[in-house]
Amino acid sequence: MWKIIAVTSLAEAASKQPHIVFTLVDDLGFNDAGWRPAPDGPSSDLASAWPLTEKYAKEGVTMNNYYTQPICTPTRGAFMSGRYPLRLGLQHAVINPGVPYGLPLDEVTLADKLSAAGYRNLGVGKWHLGAHMQSSLPMSRGLDEWYGYWYGWSDYWTH
C-alpha cells in the first residue's frame, strides 16, 4: 500500500517563516537609538530620523549586550560568517578599493544558511567585505538582491 506524503515547497515553507530584519548601523552609540533614552535627558534625534525603529525594537528582539568591532569590515565579517574577525584575517582595518582580499571565499555566510532554509535575502547599504572579484560580491555570497555600494566613504545623497 502506498502512502501519499505532502511535500511543502520552499516557497510555501518560506511564507510561513518569520521575516528577519537585522540593522547594522556604523558609529551609533548605545544611547543614540530612539528607544534608549539618554541618561541625562530625552532620547536622541534618531527617533525622528527613523520613525519605525522604536516600533521595531519594541515588537522585535533587541540585543542589550552585543559586542562589535570599532570599524566596518571586521564587524560585517563577523556578522556574515559568525566568526571572530581574527579568524577571518579581517581584524585590522577596513577593505579599501583595489585591494585583493575580502571575506574568505570558503566561509559560509549567514545569507547562504538562510537561502538553504528557503529565505530570499536582500542587502541594503555598504558591503565593505571585498569587491576585487565577482565571487567576493554580495550576490555571490548568498544575497539574492543588493542595493548599495562596495566600500565606505560613500553615501546615498551625492551620487
Protein backbone atom coordinates (compact mmCIF):
# COMPACT_ATOMS: atom_id res chain seq x y z
CA MET A 1 0.00 0.00 0.00
CA TRP A 2 1.27 3.44 -0.97
CA LYS A 3 1.18 6.42 1.34
CA ILE A 4 0.73 9.89 -0.04
CA ILE A 5 3.20 12.29 1.51
CA ALA A 6 2.50 16.00 1.31
CA VAL A 7 5.57 17.93 0.25
CA THR A 8 5.76 21.62 1.01
CA SER A 9 7.68 23.68 -1.50
CA LEU A 10 10.36 26.07 -0.35
CA ALA A 11 8.11 28.98 -1.32
CA GLU A 12 5.25 27.67 0.81
CA ALA A 13 7.58 26.97 3.73
CA ALA A 14 9.14 30.41 3.41
CA SER A 15 5.73 32.08 3.51
CA LYS A 16 5.22 30.57 6.97
CA GLN A 17 8.63 31.61 8.24
CA PRO A 18 9.05 34.90 10.08
CA HIS A 19 10.72 37.81 8.35
CA ILE A 20 14.16 38.60 9.70
CA VAL A 21 15.41 42.17 9.63
CA PHE A 22 18.84 42.96 11.02
CA THR A 23 20.02 46.55 11.04
CA LEU A 24 23.70 47.29 11.48
CA VAL A 25 24.47 50.98 11.92
CA ASP A 26 28.03 52.27 11.97
CA ASP A 27 29.08 54.79 14.59
CA LEU A 28 25.91 54.52 16.63
CA GLY A 29 26.38 55.00 20.34
CA PHE A 30 24.47 52.91 22.90
CA ASN A 31 22.14 55.78 23.85
CA ASP A 32 21.83 57.20 20.32
CA ALA A 33 18.92 54.92 19.40
CA GLY A 34 15.44 56.34 19.78
CA TRP A 35 14.26 53.51 22.03
CA ARG A 36 17.11 54.06 24.51
CA PRO A 37 16.72 57.31 26.41
CA ALA A 38 19.97 59.09 27.15
CA PRO A 39 20.87 59.00 30.84
CA ASP A 40 20.79 62.79 31.04
CA GLY A 41 17.62 63.51 29.09
CA PRO A 42 15.32 62.59 26.21
CA SER A 43 16.15 60.09 23.50
CA SER A 44 18.26 61.13 20.56
CA ASP A 45 17.21 62.78 17.32
CA LEU A 46 17.38 59.41 15.58
CA ALA A 47 13.86 58.70 16.79
CA SER A 48 12.61 61.36 14.38
CA ALA A 49 15.07 60.36 11.63
CA TRP A 50 13.98 56.71 11.72
CA PRO A 51 10.39 56.76 12.98
CA LEU A 52 9.86 52.99 12.76
CA THR A 53 12.97 51.90 14.67
CA GLU A 54 11.32 52.34 18.06
CA LYS A 55 8.32 50.30 16.89
CA TYR A 56 10.56 47.54 15.52
CA ALA A 57 12.64 47.49 18.70
CA LYS A 58 9.53 47.12 20.86
CA GLU A 59 7.96 44.41 18.68
CA GLY A 60 11.14 42.54 17.84
CA VAL A 61 14.29 41.49 19.59
CA THR A 62 16.90 43.99 20.73
CA MET A 63 20.35 42.95 21.87
CA ASN A 64 21.39 44.72 25.04
CA ASN A 65 24.82 43.11 25.36
CA TYR A 66 26.23 42.72 21.89
CA TYR A 67 29.90 43.18 21.21
CA THR A 68 31.13 44.55 17.93
CA GLN A 69 34.32 45.80 16.40
CA PRO A 70 35.18 49.51 16.24
CA ILE A 71 35.28 49.61 12.43
CA CYS A 72 33.21 48.39 9.47
CA THR A 73 34.96 45.43 7.84
CA PRO A 74 35.60 43.35 10.99
CA THR A 75 32.04 43.93 12.19
CA ARG A 76 30.49 42.94 8.87
CA GLY A 77 32.78 39.93 8.51
CA ALA A 78 31.83 38.66 11.96
CA PHE A 79 28.12 39.16 11.31
CA MET A 80 28.13 37.47 7.92
CA SER A 81 30.28 34.50 8.98
CA GLY A 82 29.58 34.07 12.69
CA ARG A 83 33.35 34.06 13.30
CA TYR A 84 35.69 36.39 15.10
CA PRO A 85 37.39 38.81 12.68
CA LEU A 86 40.80 37.48 13.75
CA ARG A 87 39.87 34.06 12.33
CA LEU A 88 38.92 35.75 9.06
CA GLY A 89 42.07 37.88 8.80
CA LEU A 90 39.86 40.98 8.82
CA GLN A 91 40.68 42.38 12.26
CA HIS A 92 42.99 45.30 11.42
CA ALA A 93 41.33 47.71 9.04
CA VAL A 94 38.61 48.35 6.50
CA ILE A 95 38.96 46.97 2.99
CA ASN A 96 39.89 49.72 0.57
CA PRO A 97 39.13 49.74 -3.17
CA GLY A 98 41.59 47.76 -5.23
CA VAL A 99 42.99 45.51 -2.51
CA PRO A 100 42.97 41.81 -3.44
CA TYR A 101 41.30 40.33 -0.38
CA GLY A 102 37.99 40.16 1.43
CA LEU A 103 35.79 37.83 3.41
CA PRO A 104 37.39 34.43 2.70
CA LEU A 105 35.55 32.63 -0.08
CA ASP A 106 35.47 29.35 1.84
CA GLU A 107 33.40 30.93 4.62
CA VAL A 108 29.71 30.05 4.61
CA THR A 109 27.72 33.22 5.17
CA LEU A 110 24.55 33.84 7.13
CA ALA A 111 22.89 34.58 3.79
CA ASP A 112 23.99 31.16 2.48
CA LYS A 113 22.41 29.47 5.51
CA LEU A 114 19.19 31.48 5.20
CA SER A 115 18.99 30.64 1.48
CA ALA A 116 19.28 26.95 2.32
CA ALA A 117 16.37 27.40 4.75
CA GLY A 118 14.18 28.85 1.97
CA TYR A 119 14.68 32.55 2.59
CA ARG A 120 15.27 35.20 -0.03
CA ASN A 121 17.94 37.64 1.09
CA LEU A 122 18.15 41.35 0.46
CA GLY A 123 21.08 43.53 1.46
CA VAL A 124 20.99 47.31 1.54
CA GLY A 125 23.86 49.63 2.39
CA LYS A 126 27.60 49.18 2.50
CA TRP A 127 29.26 45.83 1.76
CA HIS A 128 32.86 46.54 2.82
CA LEU A 129 33.81 42.83 2.62
CA GLY A 130 35.79 42.89 -0.61
CA ALA A 131 34.93 43.57 -4.22
CA HIS A 132 38.10 42.63 -6.06
CA MET A 133 36.44 39.78 -7.97
CA GLN A 134 32.92 38.66 -8.81
CA SER A 135 32.97 35.83 -6.26
CA SER A 136 33.52 38.36 -3.44
CA LEU A 137 30.42 40.42 -4.20
CA PRO A 138 27.18 40.14 -2.20
CA MET A 139 25.25 38.34 -4.95
CA SER A 140 27.92 35.62 -4.88
CA ARG A 141 27.83 35.39 -1.08
CA GLY A 142 24.21 34.32 -0.61
CA LEU A 143 22.30 37.54 -1.17
CA ASP A 144 19.59 37.48 -3.82
CA GLU A 145 19.48 41.24 -4.20
CA TRP A 146 21.84 44.02 -3.26
CA TYR A 147 21.23 47.77 -3.18
CA GLY A 148 24.23 49.72 -2.05
CA TYR A 149 27.90 50.27 -2.54
CA TRP A 150 31.00 48.12 -2.12
CA TYR A 151 33.22 50.32 0.06
CA GLY A 152 32.98 53.06 2.65
CA TRP A 153 33.25 56.78 2.18
CA SER A 154 30.09 56.84 0.07
CA ASP A 155 26.57 57.98 0.69
CA TYR A 156 23.18 57.94 -0.98
CA TRP A 157 22.89 61.69 -1.43
CA THR A 158 25.89 62.66 -3.57
CA HIS A 159 25.59 60.08 -6.37
